Protein backbone atom coordinates (compact mmCIF):
# COMPACT_ATOMS: atom_id res chain seq x y z
CA UNK A 1 0.00 0.00 0.00
CA UNK A 2 2.84 2.41 0.85
CA UNK A 3 4.38 1.78 -2.58
CA UNK A 4 1.13 2.91 -4.24
CA UNK A 5 1.07 6.05 -2.10
CA UNK A 6 4.66 6.83 -3.04
CA UNK A 7 3.84 6.31 -6.72
CA UNK A 8 0.85 8.63 -6.36
CA UNK A 9 3.06 11.28 -4.72
CA UNK A 10 5.60 11.00 -7.51
CA UNK A 11 2.88 11.34 -10.14
CA UNK A 12 1.34 14.29 -8.32
CA UNK A 13 4.74 15.92 -7.93
CA UNK A 14 5.46 15.54 -11.62
CA UNK A 15 2.06 16.99 -12.51
CA UNK A 16 2.59 19.92 -10.15
CA UNK A 17 6.06 20.64 -11.55
CA UNK A 18 4.71 20.49 -15.08
CA UNK A 19 1.86 22.85 -14.17
CA UNK A 20 4.35 25.41 -12.85
CA UNK A 21 6.67 24.97 -15.84
CA UNK A 22 3.72 25.47 -18.19
CA UNK A 23 2.88 28.74 -16.44
CA UNK A 24 6.52 29.80 -16.77
CA UNK A 25 6.48 28.96 -20.48
CA UNK A 26 3.53 31.26 -21.03
CA UNK A 27 5.29 34.02 -19.13
CA UNK A 28 8.49 33.46 -21.09
CA UNK A 29 6.52 33.63 -24.34
CA UNK A 30 5.09 36.97 -23.30
CA UNK A 31 8.62 38.20 -22.64
CA UNK A 32 9.34 37.88 -26.35
CA UNK A 33 6.73 40.52 -27.14
CA UNK A 34 7.77 42.82 -24.29
CA UNK A 35 9.83 45.39 -26.18
CA UNK A 36 10.46 49.10 -25.73
CA UNK A 37 9.78 49.89 -29.39
CA UNK A 38 6.04 49.77 -28.64
CA UNK A 39 6.32 52.89 -26.50
CA UNK A 40 6.89 53.56 -22.84
CA UNK A 41 3.33 52.96 -21.67
CA UNK A 42 2.92 49.62 -23.46
CA UNK A 43 6.38 48.51 -22.38
CA UNK A 44 5.68 49.41 -18.77
CA UNK A 45 2.36 47.54 -18.86
CA UNK A 46 4.07 44.47 -20.33
CA UNK A 47 6.74 44.54 -17.63
CA UNK A 48 4.08 44.92 -14.94
CA UNK A 49 2.20 41.93 -16.34
CA UNK A 50 5.35 39.80 -16.35
CA UNK A 51 6.04 40.90 -12.78
CA UNK A 52 2.50 40.01 -11.74
CA UNK A 53 2.60 36.63 -13.48
CA UNK A 54 5.90 35.70 -11.81
CA UNK A 55 4.52 36.86 -8.46
CA UNK A 56 1.53 34.59 -8.98
CA UNK A 57 3.79 31.63 -9.71
CA UNK A 58 5.86 32.35 -6.59
CA UNK A 59 2.63 32.49 -4.60
CA UNK A 60 1.63 29.09 -5.99
CA UNK A 61 4.97 27.65 -4.93
CA UNK A 62 4.73 29.27 -1.50
CA UNK A 63 1.42 27.52 -0.92
CA UNK A 64 3.08 24.11 -1.07
CA UNK A 65 2.94 23.55 2.67
CA UNK A 66 0.17 21.05 2.15
CA UNK A 67 2.40 19.17 -0.28
CA UNK A 68 5.03 18.74 2.41
CA UNK A 69 2.38 17.30 4.70
CA UNK A 70 1.55 14.77 1.99
CA UNK A 71 5.17 13.64 1.73
CA UNK A 72 6.64 15.77 -1.04
CA UNK A 73 10.27 16.62 -0.55
CA UNK A 74 11.88 19.87 -1.56
CA UNK A 75 14.20 22.45 -0.11
CA UNK A 76 13.38 25.73 -1.77
CA UNK A 77 12.74 28.04 1.16
CA UNK A 78 16.00 29.96 0.69
CA UNK A 79 15.43 30.12 -3.07
CA UNK A 80 11.96 31.53 -2.48
CA UNK A 81 13.27 34.25 -0.18
CA UNK A 82 15.84 35.35 -2.76
CA UNK A 83 13.27 35.29 -5.57
CA UNK A 84 10.72 37.28 -3.54
CA UNK A 85 13.41 39.87 -2.71
CA UNK A 86 14.38 40.15 -6.37
CA UNK A 87 10.76 40.46 -7.42
CA UNK A 88 10.29 43.25 -4.88
CA UNK A 89 13.33 45.06 -6.29
CA UNK A 90 11.91 44.68 -9.80
CA UNK A 91 8.67 46.30 -8.66
CA UNK A 92 10.69 49.33 -7.59
CA UNK A 93 12.39 49.34 -10.99
CA UNK A 94 9.03 49.35 -12.76
CA UNK A 95 7.90 52.28 -10.61
CA UNK A 96 11.09 54.18 -11.49
CA UNK A 97 10.50 53.38 -15.14
CA UNK A 98 7.05 54.97 -14.98
CA UNK A 99 8.45 58.27 -13.74
CA UNK A 100 11.64 58.39 -15.80
CA UNK A 101 11.91 60.81 -18.66
CA UNK A 102 13.80 61.12 -21.90
CA UNK A 103 15.48 57.96 -23.07
CA UNK A 104 16.30 56.79 -19.54
CA UNK A 105 13.15 54.66 -19.42
CA UNK A 106 14.51 52.41 -22.17
CA UNK A 107 17.69 51.66 -20.23
CA UNK A 108 15.72 51.10 -17.02
CA UNK A 109 13.37 48.83 -18.94
CA UNK A 110 16.25 46.71 -20.20
CA UNK A 111 17.45 46.26 -16.63
CA UNK A 112 13.97 45.36 -15.39
CA UNK A 113 13.43 42.94 -18.26
CA UNK A 114 16.78 41.28 -17.60
CA UNK A 115 15.95 40.95 -13.91
CA UNK A 116 12.62 39.34 -14.79
CA UNK A 117 14.46 36.87 -17.02
CA UNK A 118 16.77 36.00 -14.11
CA UNK A 119 13.79 35.51 -11.80
CA UNK A 120 12.17 33.23 -14.37
CA UNK A 121 15.34 31.13 -14.49
CA UNK A 122 15.46 31.06 -10.69
CA UNK A 123 11.87 29.87 -10.48
CA UNK A 124 12.59 27.11 -13.00
CA UNK A 125 15.52 25.96 -10.89
CA UNK A 126 13.38 25.98 -7.73
CA UNK A 127 10.56 24.06 -9.43
CA UNK A 128 12.99 21.34 -10.45
CA UNK A 129 13.76 20.77 -6.77
CA UNK A 130 10.19 19.66 -6.06
CA UNK A 131 10.21 15.86 -5.92
């Protein structure tokens, strides 16, 4: 009976990981269309959406306490703290982008976009630790 439960946990863990990776794929696909040549307002909105989507994925991962109770194993607490801190810093960057003038917003946007890409990679690495 325990072998069946372990198999079920493995299957559920794989399904959960795939669900999170699918969400990340959608977010990564949206990153391809997030470009400054569409104007500051559109670019800012795209960056905000990416930020929100990644925040939602982090929230999903943070709500895995019930998975631990069911026997899933993963050590991502430190990863989550770092990712949340980075996401918070990105939010500040988006706010600065909104108020920047001249061509500065494009440079700020590149930095914010790069940071979002790094967060995406960090989330992928954390998701792979869920077993």
